[in-house]
């Protein structure tokens, strides 16, 4: 019986020697392009009918930004491209939106590389407030 225990312990020690103590090396994934809203801030409010300036910045160090698309409430609204259509590492575009429809609206931006690789979607919410009816003062 004692001999069996010694063999079992020896076998256990030999198999434990094959265990690696170093963690596996992660396979790097390529960075995606990025897009940010510089303006407006998430949760901004605007009066119905007013012009809202939307300031978007896309960045991509590998191939550059070929275009930025803006959607309003999941519907395509506008897109911007660098001058001359040549991708650039950092691309800033200003777009205007006339606030329509009282309530919350989702503004979503996506940046694209020339090969079609897209950034993660970035969404902010803006609240459109009704215009107060102007009442004449006596």
Protein backbone atom coordinates (compact mmCIF):
# COMPACT_ATOMS: atom_id res chain seq x y z
CA UNK A 1 0.00 0.00 0.00
CA UNK A 2 2.81 2.38 0.90
CA UNK A 3 4.48 1.63 -2.41
CA UNK A 4 1.23 2.53 -4.28
CA UNK A 5 1.05 5.91 -2.51
CA UNK A 6 4.68 6.65 -3.40
CA UNK A 7 4.04 5.80 -7.07
CA UNK A 8 0.89 7.93 -7.11
CA UNK A 9 2.74 10.90 -5.59
CA UNK A 10 5.62 10.49 -8.04
CA UNK A 11 3.21 10.35 -10.99
CA UNK A 12 1.41 13.45 -9.71
CA UNK A 13 4.71 15.32 -9.35
CA UNK A 14 5.77 14.39 -12.89
CA UNK A 15 2.50 15.55 -14.46
CA UNK A 16 2.58 18.81 -12.50
CA UNK A 17 5.95 19.65 -14.04
CA UNK A 18 4.29 20.05 -17.45
CA UNK A 19 1.99 22.84 -16.28
CA UNK A 20 2.96 26.23 -17.59
CA UNK A 21 3.10 29.10 -15.13
CA UNK A 22 3.26 31.85 -17.75
CA UNK A 23 -0.04 33.18 -19.04
CA UNK A 24 -0.74 32.75 -22.74
CA UNK A 25 0.12 35.68 -24.95
CA UNK A 26 -2.97 37.46 -26.18
CA UNK A 27 -3.28 37.86 -29.92
CA UNK A 28 -3.53 41.59 -30.58
CA UNK A 29 -6.56 42.81 -32.45
CA UNK A 30 -6.22 45.73 -34.80
CA UNK A 31 -7.37 49.07 -33.46
CA UNK A 32 -10.58 50.37 -34.95
CA UNK A 33 -11.05 53.92 -36.11
CA UNK A 34 -12.60 56.19 -33.48
CA UNK A 35 -15.18 58.95 -33.60
CA UNK A 36 -16.20 61.43 -30.90
CA UNK A 37 -18.81 64.13 -30.49
CA UNK A 38 -17.04 67.37 -29.57
CA UNK A 39 -20.43 69.13 -29.56
CA UNK A 40 -23.15 68.99 -28.49
CA UNK A 41 -22.76 67.25 -25.15
CA UNK A 42 -24.88 64.23 -24.35
CA UNK A 43 -28.20 65.38 -22.90
CA UNK A 44 -28.11 68.83 -24.53
CA UNK A 45 -31.39 70.67 -25.02
CA UNK A 46 -32.44 72.79 -27.99
CA UNK A 47 -35.60 74.58 -29.05
CA UNK A 48 -37.61 73.09 -31.88
CA UNK A 49 -36.71 74.70 -35.19
CA UNK A 50 -33.29 75.91 -34.02
CA UNK A 51 -30.06 74.92 -35.79
CA UNK A 52 -27.84 72.56 -33.83
CA UNK A 53 -24.16 72.47 -34.81
CA UNK A 54 -22.70 68.98 -34.52
CA UNK A 55 -18.90 68.79 -34.25
CA UNK A 56 -17.47 65.31 -34.99
CA UNK A 57 -13.84 64.15 -34.91
CA UNK A 58 -12.67 60.85 -36.39
CA UNK A 59 -9.18 59.42 -35.83
CA UNK A 60 -7.29 56.47 -37.28
CA UNK A 61 -3.51 56.22 -37.29
CA UNK A 62 -3.31 53.21 -39.61
CA UNK A 63 -5.21 54.11 -42.81
CA UNK A 64 -6.87 57.39 -41.93
CA UNK A 65 -10.51 58.44 -41.94
CA UNK A 66 -12.28 58.36 -45.30
CA UNK A 67 -15.68 59.56 -44.08
CA UNK A 68 -17.90 60.14 -41.07
CA UNK A 69 -21.60 59.36 -41.19
CA UNK A 70 -24.25 60.92 -38.97
CA UNK A 71 -27.62 59.31 -38.29
CA UNK A 72 -30.56 60.94 -36.54
CA UNK A 73 -32.91 58.48 -34.86
CA UNK A 74 -31.26 55.62 -36.81
CA UNK A 75 -31.95 57.27 -40.18
CA UNK A 76 -29.05 58.41 -42.40
CA UNK A 77 -28.75 62.19 -42.18
CA UNK A 78 -25.41 63.42 -43.54
CA UNK A 79 -21.85 62.36 -44.16
CA UNK A 80 -18.61 64.27 -44.37
CA UNK A 81 -15.40 63.44 -46.23
CA UNK A 82 -11.94 64.99 -46.07
CA UNK A 83 -11.20 67.60 -48.70
CA UNK A 84 -10.21 65.99 -51.98
CA UNK A 85 -11.46 62.61 -50.77
CA UNK A 86 -8.01 61.73 -49.40
CA UNK A 87 -8.14 59.91 -46.01
CA UNK A 88 -6.46 61.73 -43.12
CA UNK A 89 -5.39 60.49 -39.65
CA UNK A 90 -7.63 63.07 -37.92
CA UNK A 91 -10.74 64.42 -39.59
CA UNK A 92 -13.07 67.04 -38.11
CA UNK A 93 -16.44 67.84 -39.66
CA UNK A 94 -19.21 70.25 -38.67
CA UNK A 95 -22.79 69.40 -39.57
CA UNK A 96 -25.99 71.31 -38.84
CA UNK A 97 -29.31 69.76 -37.89
CA UNK A 98 -32.53 71.71 -37.61
CA UNK A 99 -34.21 70.39 -34.47
CA UNK A 100 -37.49 68.81 -35.48
CA UNK A 101 -39.94 66.94 -33.30
CA UNK A 102 -40.33 67.66 -29.61
CA UNK A 103 -38.74 64.98 -27.45
CA UNK A 104 -35.53 62.96 -27.32
CA UNK A 105 -33.51 62.28 -30.42
CA UNK A 106 -30.51 59.98 -30.87
CA UNK A 107 -27.53 61.29 -32.84
CA UNK A 108 -25.21 58.48 -33.93
CA UNK A 109 -21.80 58.88 -35.59
CA UNK A 110 -19.61 56.28 -37.32
CA UNK A 111 -16.15 56.84 -38.85
CA UNK A 112 -14.84 54.74 -41.75
CA UNK A 113 -11.44 53.81 -43.11
CA UNK A 114 -10.95 53.69 -46.90
CA UNK A 115 -11.29 49.87 -46.79
CA UNK A 116 -14.72 50.17 -45.14
CA UNK A 117 -13.64 49.24 -41.61
CA UNK A 118 -15.93 51.18 -39.31
CA UNK A 119 -15.55 52.56 -35.83
CA UNK A 120 -17.81 51.61 -33.00
CA UNK A 121 -20.99 53.65 -33.13
CA UNK A 122 -21.13 56.59 -30.74
CA UNK A 123 -24.58 57.85 -29.77
CA UNK A 124 -25.66 60.89 -27.80
CA UNK A 125 -29.14 62.06 -26.91
CA UNK A 126 -30.49 65.58 -27.39
CA UNK A 127 -33.79 66.88 -26.11
CA UNK A 128 -35.86 69.10 -28.39
CA UNK A 129 -38.08 71.46 -26.41
CA UNK A 130 -41.22 73.13 -27.76
CA UNK A 131 -41.02 76.79 -28.61
CA UNK A 132 -43.08 78.74 -26.13
CA UNK A 133 -45.93 80.58 -27.76
CA UNK A 134 -45.13 84.24 -27.67
CA UNK A 135 -47.82 86.17 -25.87
CA UNK A 136 -47.91 89.93 -26.25
CA UNK A 137 -47.39 91.86 -23.08
CA UNK A 138 -49.84 94.72 -22.46
